[in-house]
Amino acid sequence: GAYRYYNATVDVTGKDRASLTYCEDQSKAYDMYLKTEKVIK
């Protein structure tokens, strides 16, 4: 399926350090079992 990423914000705390927060929409991502290829929606 698909994920959507949004609302990303960055805070740089030094030349080699930063924090990142973001949202992930998992509403269209589903587990699929390899043996049967069954998708669990």
PDB file of all heavy atoms in Angstrom:
ATOM      1  N   GLY A   1       0.837  -1.196   0.000  1.00  0.00           N
ATOM      2  CA  GLY A   1       0.000   0.000   0.000  1.00  0.00           C
ATOM      3  C   GLY A   1       0.867   1.239   0.000  1.00  0.00           C
ATOM      4  O   GLY A   1       1.944   1.245  -0.593  1.00  0.00           O
ATOM      5  N   ALA A   2       0.407   2.273   0.677  1.00  0.00           N
ATOM      6  CA  ALA A   2       1.136   3.545   0.654  1.00  0.00           C
ATOM      7  C   ALA A   2       1.049   4.245   1.998  1.00  0.00           C
ATOM      8  O   ALA A   2       0.038   4.165   2.692  1.00  0.00           O
ATOM      9  CB  ALA A   2       0.561   4.451  -0.427  1.00  0.00           C
ATOM     10  N   TYR A   3       2.127   4.941   2.341  1.00  0.00           N
ATOM     11  CA  TYR A   3       2.177   5.844   3.478  1.00  0.00           C
ATOM     12  C   TYR A   3       2.238   7.261   2.936  1.00  0.00           C
ATOM     13  O   TYR A   3       2.749   7.492   1.849  1.00  0.00           O
ATOM     14  CB  TYR A   3       3.441   5.624   4.308  1.00  0.00           C
ATOM     15  CG  TYR A   3       3.457   4.365   5.123  1.00  0.00           C
ATOM     16  CD1 TYR A   3       4.467   3.439   4.966  1.00  0.00           C
ATOM     17  CD2 TYR A   3       2.486   4.113   6.078  1.00  0.00           C
ATOM     18  CE1 TYR A   3       4.508   2.294   5.726  1.00  0.00           C
ATOM     19  CE2 TYR A   3       2.520   2.969   6.837  1.00  0.00           C
ATOM     20  CZ  TYR A   3       3.538   2.064   6.666  1.00  0.00           C
ATOM     21  OH  TYR A   3       3.576   0.933   7.419  1.00  0.00           O
ATOM     22  N   ARG A   4       1.747   8.189   3.718  1.00  0.00           N
ATOM     23  CA  ARG A   4       1.888   9.600   3.384  1.00  0.00           C
ATOM     24  C   ARG A   4       2.566  10.273   4.563  1.00  0.00           C
ATOM     25  O   ARG A   4       2.209  10.033   5.715  1.00  0.00           O
ATOM     26  CB  ARG A   4       0.511  10.228   3.137  1.00  0.00           C
ATOM     27  CG  ARG A   4       0.548  11.686   2.750  1.00  0.00           C
ATOM     28  CD  ARG A   4      -0.854  12.197   2.403  1.00  0.00           C
ATOM     29  NE  ARG A   4      -1.750  12.169   3.544  1.00  0.00           N
ATOM     30  CZ  ARG A   4      -1.940  13.201   4.381  1.00  0.00           C
ATOM     31  NH1 ARG A   4      -1.298  14.333   4.199  1.00  0.00           N
ATOM     32  NH2 ARG A   4      -2.793  13.088   5.379  1.00  0.00           N
ATOM     33  N   TYR A   5       3.568  11.094   4.283  1.00  0.00           N
ATOM     34  CA  TYR A   5       4.324  11.810   5.308  1.00  0.00           C
ATOM     35  C   TYR A   5       4.028  13.297   5.183  1.00  0.00           C
ATOM     36  O   TYR A   5       3.995  13.833   4.073  1.00  0.00           O
ATOM     37  CB  TYR A   5       5.816  11.547   5.133  1.00  0.00           C
ATOM     38  CG  TYR A   5       6.148  10.073   5.201  1.00  0.00           C
ATOM     39  CD1 TYR A   5       6.278   9.320   4.040  1.00  0.00           C
ATOM     40  CD2 TYR A   5       6.296   9.433   6.420  1.00  0.00           C
ATOM     41  CE1 TYR A   5       6.552   7.965   4.094  1.00  0.00           C
ATOM     42  CE2 TYR A   5       6.566   8.077   6.484  1.00  0.00           C
ATOM     43  CZ  TYR A   5       6.701   7.349   5.321  1.00  0.00           C
ATOM     44  OH  TYR A   5       6.967   6.010   5.377  1.00  0.00           O
ATOM     45  N   TYR A   6       3.843  13.972   6.325  1.00  0.00           N
ATOM     46  CA  TYR A   6       3.476  15.385   6.297  1.00  0.00           C
ATOM     47  C   TYR A   6       3.802  16.045   7.635  1.00  0.00           C
ATOM     48  O   TYR A   6       4.208  15.368   8.588  1.00  0.00           O
ATOM     49  CB  TYR A   6       1.983  15.550   5.961  1.00  0.00           C
ATOM     50  CG  TYR A   6       1.062  14.776   6.888  1.00  0.00           C
ATOM     51  CD1 TYR A   6       0.417  15.404   7.939  1.00  0.00           C
ATOM     52  CD2 TYR A   6       0.865  13.412   6.722  1.00  0.00           C
ATOM     53  CE1 TYR A   6      -0.409  14.701   8.797  1.00  0.00           C
ATOM     54  CE2 TYR A   6       0.039  12.696   7.572  1.00  0.00           C
ATOM     55  CZ  TYR A   6      -0.594  13.349   8.607  1.00  0.00           C
ATOM     56  OH  TYR A   6      -1.397  12.639   9.461  1.00  0.00           O
ATOM     57  N   ASN A   7       3.644  17.359   7.686  1.00  0.00           N
ATOM     58  CA  ASN A   7       3.886  18.164   8.888  1.00  0.00           C
ATOM     59  C   ASN A   7       5.296  17.976   9.452  1.00  0.00           C
ATOM     60  O   ASN A   7       5.481  17.908  10.665  1.00  0.00           O
ATOM     61  CB  ASN A   7       2.852  17.877   9.983  1.00  0.00           C
ATOM     62  CG  ASN A   7       1.471  18.375   9.636  1.00  0.00           C
ATOM     63  OD1 ASN A   7       1.293  19.086   8.650  1.00  0.00           O
ATOM     64  ND2 ASN A   7       0.480  17.994  10.421  1.00  0.00           N
ATOM     65  N   ALA A   8       6.280  17.926   8.592  1.00  0.00           N
ATOM     66  CA  ALA A   8       7.665  17.766   9.044  1.00  0.00           C
ATOM     67  C   ALA A   8       8.212  19.088   9.577  1.00  0.00           C
ATOM     68  O   ALA A   8       7.996  20.140   8.978  1.00  0.00           O
ATOM     69  CB  ALA A   8       8.533  17.278   7.892  1.00  0.00           C
ATOM     70  N   THR A   9       8.878  19.020  10.737  1.00  0.00           N
ATOM     71  CA  THR A   9       9.558  20.184  11.293  1.00  0.00           C
ATOM     72  C   THR A   9      10.947  19.773  11.747  1.00  0.00           C
ATOM     73  O   THR A   9      11.142  18.667  12.250  1.00  0.00           O
ATOM     74  CB  THR A   9       8.797  20.811  12.478  1.00  0.00           C
ATOM     75  OG1 THR A   9       8.636  19.829  13.498  1.00  0.00           O
ATOM     76  CG2 THR A   9       7.436  21.341  12.064  1.00  0.00           C
ATOM     77  N   VAL A  10      11.895  20.680  11.565  1.00  0.00           N
ATOM     78  CA  VAL A  10      13.291  20.419  11.895  1.00  0.00           C
ATOM     79  C   VAL A  10      13.777  21.458  12.884  1.00  0.00           C
ATOM     80  O   VAL A  10      13.463  22.641  12.764  1.00  0.00           O
ATOM     81  CB  VAL A  10      14.172  20.488  10.625  1.00  0.00           C
ATOM     82  CG1 VAL A  10      15.639  20.319  10.973  1.00  0.00           C
ATOM     83  CG2 VAL A  10      13.728  19.455   9.621  1.00  0.00           C
ATOM     84  N   ASP A  11      14.565  21.008  13.849  1.00  0.00           N
ATOM     85  CA  ASP A  11      15.233  21.915  14.774  1.00  0.00           C
ATOM     86  C   ASP A  11      16.710  21.538  14.755  1.00  0.00           C
ATOM     87  O   ASP A  11      17.082  20.451  15.209  1.00  0.00           O
ATOM     88  CB  ASP A  11      14.654  21.766  16.183  1.00  0.00           C
ATOM     89  CG  ASP A  11      15.295  22.708  17.180  1.00  0.00           C
ATOM     90  OD1 ASP A  11      15.822  23.768  16.766  1.00  0.00           O
ATOM     91  OD2 ASP A  11      15.284  22.376  18.390  1.00  0.00           O
ATOM     92  N   VAL A  12      17.536  22.402  14.202  1.00  0.00           N
ATOM     93  CA  VAL A  12      18.972  22.147  14.138  1.00  0.00           C
ATOM     94  C   VAL A  12      19.583  22.639  15.440  1.00  0.00           C
ATOM     95  O   VAL A  12      19.435  23.806  15.808  1.00  0.00           O
ATOM     96  CB  VAL A  12      19.605  22.859  12.925  1.00  0.00           C
ATOM     97  CG1 VAL A  12      21.104  22.614  12.888  1.00  0.00           C
ATOM     98  CG2 VAL A  12      18.944  22.394  11.646  1.00  0.00           C
ATOM     99  N   THR A  13      20.265  21.737  16.146  1.00  0.00           N
ATOM    100  CA  THR A  13      20.813  22.075  17.457  1.00  0.00           C
ATOM    101  C   THR A  13      22.331  22.184  17.450  1.00  0.00           C
ATOM    102  O   THR A  13      22.931  22.358  18.493  1.00  0.00           O
ATOM    103  CB  THR A  13      20.370  21.030  18.502  1.00  0.00           C
ATOM    104  OG1 THR A  13      20.753  19.733  18.053  1.00  0.00           O
ATOM    105  CG2 THR A  13      18.858  21.068  18.682  1.00  0.00           C
ATOM    106  N   GLY A  14      22.935  22.078  16.312  1.00  0.00           N
ATOM    107  CA  GLY A  14      24.385  22.186  16.178  1.00  0.00           C
ATOM    108  C   GLY A  14      24.772  21.814  14.764  1.00  0.00           C
ATOM    109  O   GLY A  14      23.922  21.464  13.954  1.00  0.00           O
ATOM    110  N   LYS A  15      26.075  21.887  14.481  1.00  0.00           N
ATOM    111  CA  LYS A  15      26.497  21.604  13.105  1.00  0.00           C
ATOM    112  C   LYS A  15      26.285  20.142  12.718  1.00  0.00           C
ATOM    113  O   LYS A  15      26.213  19.822  11.537  1.00  0.00           O
ATOM    114  CB  LYS A  15      27.947  22.012  12.881  1.00  0.00           C
ATOM    115  CG  LYS A  15      28.957  21.183  13.616  1.00  0.00           C
ATOM    116  CD  LYS A  15      30.366  21.592  13.280  1.00  0.00           C
ATOM    117  CE  LYS A  15      31.328  20.612  13.924  1.00  0.00           C
ATOM    118  NZ  LYS A  15      32.658  20.766  13.437  1.00  0.00           N
ATOM    119  N   ASP A  16      26.175  19.257  13.718  1.00  0.00           N
ATOM    120  CA  ASP A  16      25.981  17.841  13.394  1.00  0.00           C
ATOM    121  C   ASP A  16      24.846  17.190  14.180  1.00  0.00           C
ATOM    122  O   ASP A  16      24.761  15.975  14.269  1.00  0.00           O
ATOM    123  CB  ASP A  16      27.283  17.070  13.606  1.00  0.00           C
ATOM    124  CG  ASP A  16      27.729  17.050  15.065  1.00  0.00           C
ATOM    125  OD1 ASP A  16      27.145  17.789  15.888  1.00  0.00           O
ATOM    126  OD2 ASP A  16      28.665  16.304  15.384  1.00  0.00           O
ATOM    127  N   ARG A  17      23.953  18.001  14.726  1.00  0.00           N
ATOM    128  CA  ARG A  17      22.824  17.470  15.495  1.00  0.00           C
ATOM    129  C   ARG A  17      21.539  18.184  15.089  1.00  0.00           C
ATOM    130  O   ARG A  17      21.534  19.386  14.841  1.00  0.00           O
ATOM    131  CB  ARG A  17      23.029  17.690  16.993  1.00  0.00           C
ATOM    132  CG  ARG A  17      24.272  17.044  17.535  1.00  0.00           C
ATOM    133  CD  ARG A  17      23.932  15.788  18.256  1.00  0.00           C
ATOM    134  NE  ARG A  17      25.154  15.220  18.814  1.00  0.00           N
ATOM    135  CZ  ARG A  17      25.437  13.955  18.770  1.00  0.00           C
ATOM    136  NH1 ARG A  17      24.599  13.119  18.218  1.00  0.00           N
ATOM    137  NH2 ARG A  17      26.540  13.483  19.279  1.00  0.00           N
ATOM    138  N   ALA A  18      20.451  17.418  15.061  1.00  0.00           N
ATOM    139  CA  ALA A  18      19.147  17.997  14.740  1.00  0.00           C
ATOM    140  C   ALA A  18      18.052  17.065  15.246  1.00  0.00           C
ATOM    141  O   ALA A  18      18.303  15.903  15.569  1.00  0.00           O
ATOM    142  CB  ALA A  18      19.016  18.188  13.232  1.00  0.00           C
ATOM    143  N   SER A  19      16.855  17.596  15.316  1.00  0.00           N
ATOM    144  CA  SER A  19      15.685  16.769  15.602  1.00  0.00           C
ATOM    145  C   SER A  19      14.696  16.977  14.465  1.00  0.00           C
ATOM    146  O   SER A  19      14.659  18.041  13.836  1.00  0.00           O
ATOM    147  CB  SER A  19      15.055  17.133  16.947  1.00  0.00           C
ATOM    148  OG  SER A  19      14.587  18.462  16.935  1.00  0.00           O
ATOM    149  N   LEU A  20      13.934  15.961  14.201  1.00  0.00           N
ATOM    150  CA  LEU A  20      12.921  15.994  13.157  1.00  0.00           C
ATOM    151  C   LEU A  20      11.665  15.338  13.701  1.00  0.00           C
ATOM    152  O   LEU A  20      11.727  14.243  14.262  1.00  0.00           O
ATOM    153  CB  LEU A  20      13.404  15.220  11.924  1.00  0.00           C
ATOM    154  CG  LEU A  20      12.358  14.924  10.849  1.00  0.00           C
ATOM    155  CD1 LEU A  20      11.926  16.199  10.148  1.00  0.00           C
ATOM    156  CD2 LEU A  20      12.879  13.912   9.850  1.00  0.00           C
ATOM    157  N   THR A  21      10.554  16.023  13.558  1.00  0.00           N
ATOM    158  CA  THR A  21       9.263  15.409  13.867  1.00  0.00           C
ATOM    159  C   THR A  21       8.443  15.428  12.578  1.00  0.00           C
ATOM    160  O   THR A  21       8.575  16.338  11.759  1.00  0.00           O
ATOM    161  CB  THR A  21       8.503  16.155  14.983  1.00  0.00           C
ATOM    162  OG1 THR A  21       8.279  17.494  14.586  1.00  0.00           O
ATOM    163  CG2 THR A  21       9.270  16.118  16.293  1.00  0.00           C
ATOM    164  N   TYR A  22       7.626  14.406  12.415  1.00  0.00           N
ATOM    165  CA  TYR A  22       6.769  14.328  11.237  1.00  0.00           C
ATOM    166  C   TYR A  22       5.618  13.376  11.518  1.00  0.00           C
ATOM    167  O   TYR A  22       5.661  12.569  12.446  1.00  0.00           O
ATOM    168  CB  TYR A  22       7.553  13.880  10.000  1.00  0.00           C
ATOM    169  CG  TYR A  22       8.152  12.495  10.089  1.00  0.00           C
ATOM    170  CD1 TYR A  22       7.491  11.395   9.565  1.00  0.00           C
ATOM    171  CD2 TYR A  22       9.386  12.283  10.696  1.00  0.00           C
ATOM    172  CE1 TYR A  22       8.028  10.129   9.641  1.00  0.00           C
ATOM    173  CE2 TYR A  22       9.934  11.021  10.779  1.00  0.00           C
ATOM    174  CZ  TYR A  22       9.258   9.951  10.250  1.00  0.00           C
ATOM    175  OH  TYR A  22       9.799   8.689  10.334  1.00  0.00           O
ATOM    176  N   CYS A  23       4.592  13.510  10.700  1.00  0.00           N
ATOM    177  CA  CYS A  23       3.421  12.641  10.801  1.00  0.00           C
ATOM    178  C   CYS A  23       3.440  11.624   9.669  1.00  0.00           C
ATOM    179  O   CYS A  23       3.956  11.900   8.582  1.00  0.00           O
ATOM    180  CB  CYS A  23       2.148  13.461  10.711  1.00  0.00           C
ATOM    181  SG  CYS A  23       1.883  14.557  12.126  1.00  0.00           S
ATOM    182  N   GLU A  24       2.849  10.464   9.963  1.00  0.00           N
ATOM    183  CA  GLU A  24       2.726   9.409   8.966  1.00  0.00           C
ATOM    184  C   GLU A  24       1.268   8.949   8.936  1.00  0.00           C
ATOM    185  O   GLU A  24       0.701   8.617   9.969  1.00  0.00           O
ATOM    186  CB  GLU A  24       3.645   8.251   9.342  1.00  0.00           C
ATOM    187  CG  GLU A  24       3.567   7.070   8.408  1.00  0.00           C
ATOM    188  CD  GLU A  24       4.482   5.954   8.874  1.00  0.00           C
ATOM    189  OE1 GLU A  24       4.233   5.402   9.971  1.00  0.00           O
ATOM    190  OE2 GLU A  24       5.432   5.655   8.164  1.00  0.00           O
ATOM    191  N   ASP A  25       0.708   8.935   7.749  1.00  0.00           N
ATOM    192  CA  ASP A  25      -0.648   8.437   7.525  1.00  0.00           C
ATOM    193  C   ASP A  25      -0.525   6.988   7.052  1.00  0.00           C
ATOM    194  O   ASP A  25      -0.034   6.727   5.963  1.00  0.00           O
ATOM    195  CB  ASP A  25      -1.334   9.305   6.468  1.00  0.00           C
ATOM    196  CG  ASP A  25      -2.690   8.773   6.015  1.00  0.00           C
ATOM    197  OD1 ASP A  25      -3.116   7.688   6.472  1.00  0.00           O
ATOM    198  OD2 ASP A  25      -3.309   9.447   5.177  1.00  0.00           O
ATOM    199  N   GLN A  26      -0.947   6.047   7.896  1.00  0.00           N
ATOM    200  CA  GLN A  26      -0.871   4.625   7.579  1.00  0.00           C
ATOM    201  C   GLN A  26      -2.217   4.056   7.130  1.00  0.00           C
ATOM    202  O   GLN A  26      -2.373   2.844   7.026  1.00  0.00           O
ATOM    203  CB  GLN A  26      -0.394   3.839   8.805  1.00  0.00           C
ATOM    204  CG  GLN A  26       0.979   4.216   9.279  1.00  0.00           C
ATOM    205  CD  GLN A  26       1.398   3.428  10.514  1.00  0.00           C
ATOM    206  OE1 GLN A  26       0.602   2.728  11.141  1.00  0.00           O
ATOM    207  NE2 GLN A  26       2.662   3.540  10.863  1.00  0.00           N
ATOM    208  N   SER A  27      -3.177   4.920   6.830  1.00  0.00           N
ATOM    209  CA  SER A  27      -4.541   4.450   6.548  1.00  0.00           C
ATOM    210  C   SER A  27      -4.647   3.625   5.262  1.00  0.00           C
ATOM    211  O   SER A  27      -5.608   2.882   5.093  1.00  0.00           O
ATOM    212  CB  SER A  27      -5.514   5.631   6.491  1.00  0.00           C
ATOM    213  OG  SER A  27      -5.209   6.494   5.406  1.00  0.00           O
ATOM    214  N   LYS A  28      -3.660   3.736   4.382  1.00  0.00           N
ATOM    215  CA  LYS A  28      -3.694   2.968   3.128  1.00  0.00           C
ATOM    216  C   LYS A  28      -2.515   1.992   3.036  1.00  0.00           C
ATOM    217  O   LYS A  28      -2.109   1.596   1.960  1.00  0.00           O
ATOM    218  CB  LYS A  28      -3.714   3.925   1.938  1.00  0.00           C
ATOM    219  CG  LYS A  28      -5.019   4.703   1.857  1.00  0.00           C
ATOM    220  CD  LYS A  28      -5.048   5.649   0.697  1.00  0.00           C
ATOM    221  CE  LYS A  28      -6.353   6.368   0.567  1.00  0.00           C
ATOM    222  NZ  LYS A  28      -6.804   7.096   1.716  1.00  0.00           N
ATOM    223  N   ALA A  29      -1.974   1.602   4.192  1.00  0.00           N
ATOM    224  CA  ALA A  29      -0.894   0.617   4.267  1.00  0.00           C
ATOM    225  C   ALA A  29      -1.415  -0.608   5.015  1.00  0.00           C
ATOM    226  O   ALA A  29      -2.068  -0.468   6.053  1.00  0.00           O
ATOM    227  CB  ALA A  29       0.312   1.209   4.990  1.00  0.00           C
ATOM    228  N   TYR A  30      -1.132  -1.783   4.469  1.00  0.00           N
ATOM    229  CA  TYR A  30      -1.704  -3.009   5.013  1.00  0.00           C
ATOM    230  C   TYR A  30      -0.643  -4.105   5.100  1.00  0.00           C
ATOM    231  O   TYR A  30       0.307  -4.126   4.326  1.00  0.00           O
ATOM    232  CB  TYR A  30      -2.851  -3.508   4.110  1.00  0.00           C
ATOM    233  CG  TYR A  30      -3.829  -2.427   3.758  1.00  0.00           C
ATOM    234  CD1 TYR A  30      -3.819  -1.834   2.503  1.00  0.00           C
ATOM    235  CD2 TYR A  30      -4.760  -1.988   4.691  1.00  0.00           C
ATOM    236  CE1 TYR A  30      -4.719  -0.832   2.179  1.00  0.00           C
ATOM    237  CE2 TYR A  30      -5.669  -0.975   4.367  1.00  0.00           C
ATOM    238  CZ  TYR A  30      -5.632  -0.402   3.119  1.00  0.00           C
ATOM    239  OH  TYR A  30      -6.510   0.592   2.801  1.00  0.00           O
ATOM    240  N   ASP A  31      -0.831  -5.025   6.046  1.00  0.00           N
ATOM    241  CA  ASP A  31       0.056  -6.186   6.138  1.00  0.00           C
ATOM    242  C   ASP A  31      -0.291  -7.188   5.041  1.00  0.00           C
ATOM    243  O   ASP A  31      -1.466  -7.409   4.738  1.00  0.00           O
ATOM    244  CB  ASP A  31      -0.092  -6.881   7.497  1.00  0.00           C
ATOM    245  CG  ASP A  31       0.525  -6.077   8.628  1.00  0.00           C
ATOM    246  OD1 ASP A  31       1.378  -5.213   8.349  1.00  0.00           O
ATOM    247  OD2 ASP A  31       0.151  -6.315   9.788  1.00  0.00           O
ATOM    248  N   MET A  32       0.761  -7.764   4.475  1.00  0.00           N
ATOM    249  CA  MET A  32       0.573  -8.822   3.478  1.00  0.00           C
ATOM    250  C   MET A  32       1.443 -10.009   3.899  1.00  0.00           C
ATOM    251  O   MET A  32       2.638  -9.840   4.169  1.00  0.00           O
ATOM    252  CB  MET A  32       1.002  -8.369   2.083  1.00  0.00           C
ATOM    253  CG  MET A  32       0.804  -9.473   1.041  1.00  0.00           C
ATOM    254  SD  MET A  32       1.241  -8.981  -0.634  1.00  0.00           S
ATOM    255  CE  MET A  32       3.007  -9.170  -0.588  1.00  0.00           C
ATOM    256  N   TYR A  33       0.855 -11.189   3.964  1.00  0.00           N
ATOM    257  CA  TYR A  33       1.582 -12.395   4.344  1.00  0.00           C
ATOM    258  C   TYR A  33       2.165 -13.033   3.092  1.00  0.00           C
ATOM    259  O   TYR A  33       1.476 -13.234   2.094  1.00  0.00           O
ATOM    260  CB  TYR A  33       0.671 -13.326   5.148  1.00  0.00           C
ATOM    261  CG  TYR A  33       0.358 -12.669   6.465  1.00  0.00           C
ATOM    262  CD1 TYR A  33      -0.736 -11.820   6.597  1.00  0.00           C
ATOM    263  CD2 TYR A  33       1.216 -12.816   7.539  1.00  0.00           C
ATOM    264  CE1 TYR A  33      -0.977 -11.150   7.780  1.00  0.00           C
ATOM    265  CE2 TYR A  33       0.979 -12.153   8.728  1.00  0.00           C
ATOM    266  CZ  TYR A  33      -0.114 -11.322   8.849  1.00  0.00           C
ATOM    267  OH  TYR A  33      -0.339 -10.640  10.024  1.00  0.00           O
ATOM    268  N   LEU A  34       3.460 -13.308   3.138  1.00  0.00           N
ATOM    269  CA  LEU A  34       4.208 -13.714   1.951  1.00  0.00           C
ATOM    270  C   LEU A  34       3.772 -15.056   1.379  1.00  0.00           C
ATOM    271  O   LEU A  34       3.699 -15.206   0.158  1.00  0.00           O
ATOM    272  CB  LEU A  34       5.702 -13.720   2.255  1.00  0.00           C
ATOM    273  CG  LEU A  34       6.266 -12.362   2.686  1.00  0.00           C
ATOM    274  CD1 LEU A  34       7.719 -12.491   3.102  1.00  0.00           C
ATOM    275  CD2 LEU A  34       6.095 -11.334   1.589  1.00  0.00           C
ATOM    276  N   LYS A  35       3.502 -16.037   2.229  1.00  0.00           N
ATOM    277  CA  LYS A  35       3.168 -17.375   1.740  1.00  0.00           C
ATOM    278  C   LYS A  35       1.879 -17.377   0.926  1.00  0.00           C
ATOM    279  O   LYS A  35       1.811 -17.974  -0.146  1.00  0.00           O
ATOM    280  CB  LYS A  35       3.057 -18.354   2.917  1.00  0.00           C
ATOM    281  CG  LYS A  35       2.892 -19.784   2.493  1.00  0.00           C
ATOM    282  CD  LYS A  35       2.938 -20.726   3.682  1.00  0.00           C
ATOM    283  CE  LYS A  35       2.799 -22.156   3.221  1.00  0.00           C
ATOM    284  NZ  LYS A  35       2.886 -23.087   4.352  1.00  0.00           N
ATOM    285  N   THR A  36       0.876 -16.690   1.423  1.00  0.00           N
ATOM    286  CA  THR A  36      -0.436 -16.690   0.763  1.00  0.00           C
ATOM    287  C   THR A  36      -0.681 -15.431  -0.075  1.00  0.00           C
ATOM    288  O   THR A  36      -1.633 -15.389  -0.844  1.00  0.00           O
ATOM    289  CB  THR A  36      -1.562 -16.765   1.809  1.00  0.00           C
ATOM    290  OG1 THR A  36      -1.481 -15.595   2.637  1.00  0.00           O
ATOM    291  CG2 THR A  36      -1.450 -18.029   2.648  1.00  0.00           C
ATOM    292  N   GLU A  37       0.147 -14.417   0.123  1.00  0.00           N
ATOM    293  CA  GLU A  37      -0.017 -13.090  -0.488  1.00  0.00           C
ATOM    294  C   GLU A  37      -1.350 -12.455  -0.093  1.00  0.00           C
ATOM    295  O   GLU A  37      -1.863 -11.568  -0.778  1.00  0.00           O
ATOM    296  CB  GLU A  37       0.173 -13.130  -1.998  1.00  0.00           C
ATOM    297  CG  GLU A  37       1.584 -13.482  -2.399  1.00  0.00           C
ATOM    298  CD  GLU A  37       1.838 -13.320  -3.887  1.00  0.00           C
ATOM    299  OE1 GLU A  37       0.928 -12.949  -4.642  1.00  0.00           O
ATOM    300  OE2 GLU A  37       2.982 -13.571  -4.286  1.00  0.00           O
ATOM    301  N   LYS A  38      -1.891 -12.902   1.039  1.00  0.00           N
ATOM    302  CA  LYS A  38      -3.134 -12.348   1.542  1.00  0.00           C
ATOM    303  C   LYS A  38      -2.860 -10.990   2.188  1.00  0.00           C
ATOM    304  O   LYS A  38      -1.964 -10.856   3.015  1.00  0.00           O
ATOM    305  CB  LYS A  38      -3.776 -13.283   2.570  1.00  0.00           C
ATOM    306  CG  LYS A  38      -5.101 -12.764   3.082  1.00  0.00           C
ATOM    307  CD  LYS A  38      -5.783 -13.745   4.000  1.00  0.00           C
ATOM    308  CE  LYS A  38      -7.106 -13.152   4.437  1.00  0.00           C
ATOM    309  NZ  LYS A  38      -7.881 -14.070   5.232  1.00  0.00           N
ATOM    310  N   VAL A  39      -3.645  -9.991   1.790  1.00  0.00           N
ATOM    311  CA  VAL A  39      -3.534  -8.645   2.338  1.00  0.00           C
ATOM    312  C   VAL A  39      -4.618  -8.465   3.392  1.00  0.00           C
ATOM    313  O   VAL A  39      -5.795  -8.748   3.138  1.00  0.00           O
ATOM    314  CB  VAL A  39      -3.685  -7.585   1.227  1.00  0.00           C
ATOM    315  CG1 VAL A  39      -3.683  -6.183   1.811  1.00  0.00           C
ATOM    316  CG2 VAL A  39      -2.579  -7.746   0.192  1.00  0.00           C
ATOM    317  N   ILE A  40      -4.220  -8.018   4.572  1.00  0.00           N
ATOM    318  CA  ILE A  40      -5.158  -7.772   5.659  1.00  0.00           C
ATOM    319  C   ILE A  40      -5.468  -6.280   5.677  1.00  0.00           C
ATOM    320  O   ILE A  40      -4.669  -5.475   6.146  1.00  0.00           O
ATOM    321  CB  ILE A  40      -4.570  -8.208   7.023  1.00  0.00           C
ATOM    322  CG1 ILE A  40      -4.068  -9.648   6.977  1.00  0.00           C
ATOM    323  CG2 ILE A  40      -5.587  -7.984   8.139  1.00  0.00           C
ATOM    324  CD1 ILE A  40      -5.113 -10.682   6.645  1.00  0.00           C
ATOM    325  N   LYS A  41      -6.625  -5.909   5.128  1.00  0.00           N
ATOM    326  CA  LYS A  41      -7.020  -4.501   5.083  1.00  0.00           C
ATOM    327  C   LYS A  41      -7.722  -4.150   6.388  1.00  0.00           C
ATOM    328  O   LYS A  41      -8.715  -4.777   6.754  1.00  0.00           O
ATOM    329  CB  LYS A  41      -7.923  -4.222   3.886  1.00  0.00           C
ATOM    330  CG  LYS A  41      -7.165  -4.311   2.583  1.00  0.00           C
ATOM    331  CD  LYS A  41      -7.924  -3.669   1.457  1.00  0.00           C
ATOM    332  CE  LYS A  41      -7.049  -3.648   0.219  1.00  0.00           C
ATOM    333  NZ  LYS A  41      -7.688  -2.951  -0.880  1.00  0.00           N
TER     334      LYS A  41
END
